[in-house]
Protein backbone atom coordinates (compact mmCIF):
# COMPACT_ATOMS: atom_id res chain seq x y z
CA MET A 1 151.08 -79.42 14.41
CA THR A 2 149.34 -80.58 11.23
CA THR A 3 145.61 -80.63 10.42
CA TYR A 4 144.07 -83.29 8.21
CA VAL A 5 140.49 -83.22 6.94
CA ILE A 6 138.99 -86.67 6.35
CA GLY A 7 136.00 -87.50 4.18
CA ASP A 8 132.98 -89.64 5.10
CA VAL A 9 134.16 -92.66 7.10
CA GLN A 10 130.74 -94.35 7.42
CA GLY A 11 131.83 -97.06 9.79
CA CYS A 12 134.98 -98.07 7.87
CA PHE A 13 137.34 -98.09 10.83
CA ASP A 14 139.95 -100.38 9.28
CA ALA A 15 140.32 -97.97 6.36
CA LEU A 16 140.55 -95.03 8.77
CA GLU A 17 143.38 -96.75 10.65
CA ARG A 18 145.24 -97.38 7.38
CA LEU A 19 144.80 -93.74 6.38
CA LEU A 20 146.09 -92.51 9.73
CA THR A 21 149.12 -94.74 9.31
CA ALA A 22 149.70 -93.38 5.80
CA ILE A 23 149.69 -89.77 7.01
CA HIS A 24 151.78 -90.63 10.11
CA PHE A 25 149.11 -89.21 12.40
CA ASP A 26 150.43 -88.24 15.82
CA SER A 27 147.61 -87.88 18.35
CA SER A 28 149.80 -85.76 20.62
CA ARG A 29 150.41 -83.16 17.93
CA ASP A 30 148.08 -83.40 14.92
CA ILE A 31 144.40 -82.52 14.52
CA LEU A 32 141.74 -84.39 12.54
CA TRP A 33 138.66 -82.82 11.01
CA PHE A 34 135.80 -85.06 9.84
CA THR A 35 133.19 -84.11 7.24
CA GLY A 36 130.39 -86.05 9.00
CA ASP A 37 128.71 -89.37 8.31
CA LEU A 38 130.98 -91.09 10.76
CA VAL A 39 128.59 -94.03 10.88
CA ASN A 40 126.40 -96.44 8.93
CA ARG A 41 126.71 -98.74 5.93
CA GLY A 42 130.20 -99.81 7.01
CA PRO A 43 130.73 -102.54 9.65
CA GLN A 44 132.55 -100.63 12.41
CA SER A 45 130.51 -97.56 13.34
CA LEU A 46 131.00 -98.20 17.04
CA GLU A 47 134.78 -98.30 16.70
CA VAL A 48 134.77 -95.08 14.67
CA LEU A 49 132.69 -93.20 17.24
CA ARG A 50 134.77 -94.41 20.16
CA PHE A 51 138.04 -93.51 18.47
CA ILE A 52 137.04 -89.98 17.48
CA LYS A 53 135.44 -89.28 20.86
CA THR A 54 138.63 -90.46 22.58
CA LEU A 55 140.68 -87.88 20.66
CA GLY A 56 139.10 -85.18 22.79
CA GLU A 57 137.98 -81.72 21.80
CA ALA A 58 141.50 -80.46 21.16
CA ARG A 59 142.46 -83.12 18.59
CA GLN A 60 139.32 -83.41 16.47
CA LYS A 61 136.63 -81.29 14.86
CA THR A 62 133.60 -83.19 13.59
CA VAL A 63 130.42 -81.94 11.93
CA LEU A 64 127.17 -83.87 11.80
CA GLY A 65 126.08 -85.65 8.63
CA ASN A 66 122.71 -87.05 7.68
CA HIS A 67 123.67 -90.58 8.77
CA ASP A 68 124.81 -89.29 12.15
CA LEU A 69 121.47 -87.54 12.61
CA HIS A 70 119.68 -90.75 11.58
CA LEU A 71 121.57 -92.66 14.28
CA LEU A 72 120.51 -90.08 16.86
CA ALA A 73 116.88 -90.33 15.73
CA VAL A 74 116.95 -94.11 16.11
CA ALA A 75 118.71 -93.91 19.46
CA TYR A 76 116.09 -91.48 20.77
CA GLY A 77 113.29 -93.79 19.64
CA VAL A 78 111.71 -91.55 17.01
CA ARG A 79 112.90 -93.45 13.93
CA GLU A 80 113.19 -97.13 12.97
CA LEU A 81 116.32 -98.75 11.60
CA HIS A 82 116.41 -99.18 7.82
CA HIS A 83 117.05 -102.65 6.42
CA ASP A 84 120.55 -101.67 5.26
CA ASP A 85 121.61 -99.84 8.42
CA THR A 86 124.63 -101.19 10.29
CA LEU A 87 124.07 -99.38 13.57
CA GLN A 88 123.08 -102.27 15.82
CA ALA A 89 126.44 -102.49 17.61
CA VAL A 90 126.27 -98.80 18.54
CA LEU A 91 122.73 -99.11 19.84
CA ALA A 92 123.64 -102.16 21.95
CA ALA A 93 126.91 -100.76 23.31
CA PRO A 94 127.31 -100.24 27.07
CA ASP A 95 128.56 -96.71 26.40
CA ARG A 96 125.72 -95.92 24.00
CA ASN A 97 124.34 -93.04 26.06
CA GLU A 98 127.73 -91.38 26.39
CA LEU A 99 128.36 -91.73 22.66
CA MET A 100 124.95 -90.31 21.73
CA ASP A 101 125.41 -87.38 24.09
CA TRP A 102 128.80 -86.68 22.54
CA LEU A 103 127.39 -86.99 19.02
CA ARG A 104 124.47 -84.62 19.56
CA HIS A 105 126.90 -81.97 20.76
CA ARG A 106 128.82 -81.96 17.45
CA PRO A 107 128.25 -78.84 15.33
CA LEU A 108 126.70 -78.62 11.88
CA LEU A 109 129.30 -76.08 10.81
CA TYR A 110 132.85 -75.51 11.98
CA GLU A 111 134.81 -72.39 11.01
CA ASP A 112 138.54 -72.04 11.51
CA LYS A 113 139.35 -68.37 11.43
CA ASN A 114 143.10 -68.96 11.35
CA THR A 115 143.01 -70.84 8.04
CA GLY A 116 139.77 -69.46 6.58
CA PHE A 117 138.38 -72.96 6.01
CA VAL A 118 134.78 -73.88 6.80
CA LEU A 119 133.67 -77.47 7.38
CA THR A 120 130.14 -78.79 6.81
CA HIS A 121 128.75 -82.13 5.69
CA ALA A 122 127.04 -81.11 2.43
CA GLY A 123 128.00 -77.49 1.83
CA LEU A 124 126.46 -74.05 2.36
CA ALA A 125 123.13 -72.89 0.96
CA PRO A 126 123.81 -70.64 -2.05
CA ALA A 127 121.83 -67.77 -0.49
CA TRP A 128 123.74 -67.75 2.80
CA SER A 129 126.70 -65.62 3.73
CA LEU A 130 129.13 -67.31 6.08
CA LYS A 131 127.88 -65.19 8.97
CA GLN A 132 124.27 -66.20 8.29
CA ALA A 133 125.21 -69.86 7.85
CA ARG A 134 127.02 -69.85 11.19
CA LEU A 135 124.02 -68.37 13.00
CA LEU A 136 121.53 -70.73 11.34
CA ALA A 137 123.62 -73.79 12.16
CA GLN A 138 123.66 -72.65 15.77
CA GLU A 139 119.85 -72.60 15.83
CA VAL A 140 119.73 -76.32 15.07
CA GLU A 141 122.65 -77.09 17.36
CA ALA A 142 120.89 -75.39 20.28
CA VAL A 143 117.84 -77.65 19.87
CA LEU A 144 119.95 -80.81 19.52
CA ARG A 145 121.96 -79.95 22.62
CA GLY A 146 118.92 -78.94 24.67
CA ASN A 147 116.61 -80.95 26.90
CA THR A 148 114.29 -82.21 24.15
CA PRO A 149 116.38 -83.32 21.14
CA ALA A 150 113.78 -85.96 20.25
CA TYR A 151 111.30 -83.21 19.37
CA TYR A 152 113.57 -81.99 16.59
CA LEU A 153 114.80 -85.43 15.51
CA LYS A 154 111.26 -86.73 15.04
CA GLN A 155 110.28 -83.87 12.74
CA MET A 156 113.51 -83.18 10.85
CA TYR A 157 112.64 -85.59 8.01
CA GLY A 158 111.06 -84.27 4.83
CA ASN A 159 111.97 -82.36 1.67
CA GLN A 160 109.88 -79.27 2.36
CA PRO A 161 110.44 -76.40 2.50
CA ASP A 162 112.98 -76.73 -0.30
CA LEU A 163 113.96 -73.07 -0.65
CA TRP A 164 115.45 -70.93 2.07
CA GLU A 165 113.47 -67.89 3.20
CA ASP A 166 114.41 -65.77 6.19
CA ARG A 167 110.78 -65.72 7.30
CA LEU A 168 110.65 -69.48 7.92
CA THR A 169 109.86 -70.37 11.52
CA GLY A 170 109.60 -73.39 13.81
CA ILE A 171 110.37 -76.90 12.67
CA GLU A 172 110.14 -75.92 8.99
CA ARG A 173 112.98 -73.47 9.53
CA LEU A 174 115.09 -76.07 11.35
CA ARG A 175 114.37 -78.74 8.72
CA CYS A 176 115.34 -76.44 5.86
CA ILE A 177 118.61 -75.48 7.58
CA THR A 178 119.37 -79.16 8.21
CA ASN A 179 118.67 -80.18 4.63
CA TYR A 180 120.98 -77.54 3.19
CA LEU A 181 123.80 -78.42 5.57
CA THR A 182 123.51 -82.23 5.52
CA ARG A 183 121.61 -83.39 2.40
CA MET A 184 122.24 -80.87 -0.39
CA ARG A 185 123.78 -81.86 -3.73
CA LEU A 186 121.83 -80.31 -6.61
CA CYS A 187 119.82 -77.11 -6.75
CA HIS A 188 117.65 -75.27 -9.21
CA PRO A 189 119.20 -72.00 -10.45
CA ASP A 190 117.31 -70.09 -7.74
CA GLY A 191 118.86 -72.24 -5.01
CA ARG A 192 115.85 -74.51 -4.52
CA LEU A 193 116.90 -77.96 -3.33
CA GLU A 194 116.58 -81.15 -5.36
CA LEU A 195 117.20 -83.93 -2.87
CA SER A 196 116.50 -87.12 -4.81
CA TYR A 197 119.55 -87.25 -7.11
CA LYS A 198 122.82 -88.74 -5.80
CA GLY A 199 124.76 -89.46 -9.00
CA ARG A 200 127.47 -87.84 -11.08
CA ILE A 201 127.34 -84.31 -12.46
CA ASP A 202 127.57 -85.52 -16.06
CA THR A 203 124.33 -87.50 -15.72
CA MET A 204 122.30 -85.10 -13.61
CA PRO A 205 118.75 -84.20 -14.69
CA PRO A 206 118.35 -81.18 -16.97
CA GLY A 207 117.62 -77.85 -15.35
CA LEU A 208 119.61 -78.66 -12.21
CA ILE A 209 123.10 -77.59 -11.15
CA PRO A 210 125.50 -78.46 -8.32
CA TRP A 211 124.92 -76.22 -5.32
CA PHE A 212 128.37 -74.69 -5.72
CA ASP A 213 127.56 -73.61 -9.31
CA VAL A 214 124.43 -71.63 -8.43
CA PRO A 215 124.78 -68.13 -9.95
CA ASP A 216 125.76 -65.34 -7.57
CA ARG A 217 126.37 -67.76 -4.69
CA ALA A 218 126.69 -65.60 -1.56
CA ASN A 219 129.53 -67.68 -0.09
CA SER A 220 131.71 -68.07 -3.19
CA ASN A 221 134.64 -66.44 -1.36
CA VAL A 222 134.54 -69.02 1.46
CA LYS A 223 136.81 -72.08 1.41
CA ILE A 224 134.30 -74.90 1.96
CA LEU A 225 135.27 -78.45 2.93
CA PHE A 226 132.49 -81.01 2.66
CA GLY A 227 131.64 -84.67 2.13
CA HIS A 228 128.28 -86.31 1.37
CA TRP A 229 128.53 -86.46 -2.44
CA ALA A 230 130.64 -89.54 -3.15
CA ALA A 231 129.84 -89.42 -6.87
CA LEU A 232 132.01 -86.31 -7.21
CA GLY A 233 135.01 -88.52 -6.57
CA GLY A 234 136.58 -85.78 -4.50
CA LYS A 235 136.74 -83.37 -7.44
CA ALA A 236 135.05 -80.08 -8.29
CA ASP A 237 136.54 -77.60 -10.72
CA VAL A 238 135.39 -74.60 -8.70
CA SER A 239 137.49 -72.20 -6.66
CA ASN A 240 137.26 -72.61 -2.86
CA ILE A 241 135.32 -75.91 -3.12
CA TYR A 242 136.88 -79.01 -1.53
CA PRO A 243 134.82 -82.23 -1.77
CA LEU A 244 136.33 -85.04 0.31
CA ASP A 245 133.87 -87.96 0.21
CA THR A 246 135.51 -90.47 -2.13
CA GLY A 247 133.15 -93.39 -1.50
CA CYS A 248 135.09 -95.53 0.96
CA VAL A 249 131.98 -97.41 2.05
CA TRP A 250 131.28 -98.28 -1.61
CA GLY A 251 134.70 -99.90 -2.05
CA ASN A 252 136.54 -96.89 -3.44
CA CYS A 253 138.92 -94.97 -1.16
CA LEU A 254 139.12 -92.84 1.97
CA THR A 255 140.70 -89.42 1.55
CA ALA A 256 142.44 -86.95 3.83
CA MET A 257 143.56 -83.45 2.87
CA ARG A 258 146.38 -81.71 4.73
CA LEU A 259 145.21 -78.15 5.28
CA GLU A 260 148.63 -76.58 5.33
CA ASP A 261 149.38 -77.36 1.67
CA GLU A 262 146.09 -78.95 0.46
CA LYS A 263 147.89 -82.19 -0.39
CA ARG A 264 145.62 -85.24 -0.52
CA PHE A 265 146.25 -88.73 0.76
CA THR A 266 144.12 -91.79 -0.05
CA VAL A 267 143.88 -95.44 0.92
CA LYS A 268 141.90 -98.09 -0.90
CA CYS A 269 138.82 -99.46 0.83
CA GLY A 270 137.09 -102.80 0.62
């Protein structure tokens, strides 16, 4: 049995198929982990969702990304499509309801205690221990999986509060958890989020730092796999940090990392 972690697919099913061929994926034996953002921008979001769902719970582990949450918000009627969204085929599919129910039951954080790896879409808030992160992710997951997911999805948008505090309550607490787990790239030195910048580290605004460089980060001993930040190019010169979004949807490449030896495999996209 081999486990491969795959970066943001974003509807690029053809590239995913080529990558699976390159790693000789065997669905009867191997396991795939996905860093989230399965959908949107690419042309084949429906095919991606159907394929990963068909793998079953034993052969895949998938965390939610911001684009996946956006799809759910649109599907539940609390958000409009953006002009550059490519989600129409999913929304019109005969199995739409089954796919959306499957998607909303994906976690925001997956921890594999055997290997010590943790999977999230954007990373872990600098102030959180792994235990705290796990519990906070479960708070959001419980609402998404409950009887009124639209309540959360309608109010999850917004950049405030931008600094985690244990005393946060209600939708502000859920929104802050979601933003750290699915939208985070840069922070202020105190861990406050800066959510507008999406570019490279060497051109980031002064006074800001990557979330994984925040001083005294509480989870620095945790091996964190994440996507979301394509401009990193899959590289971060920091111990225990494994970025895997290599910008497939922007014509770059799709990357998988084999957990057993941390070897990477890539296929060109576009």
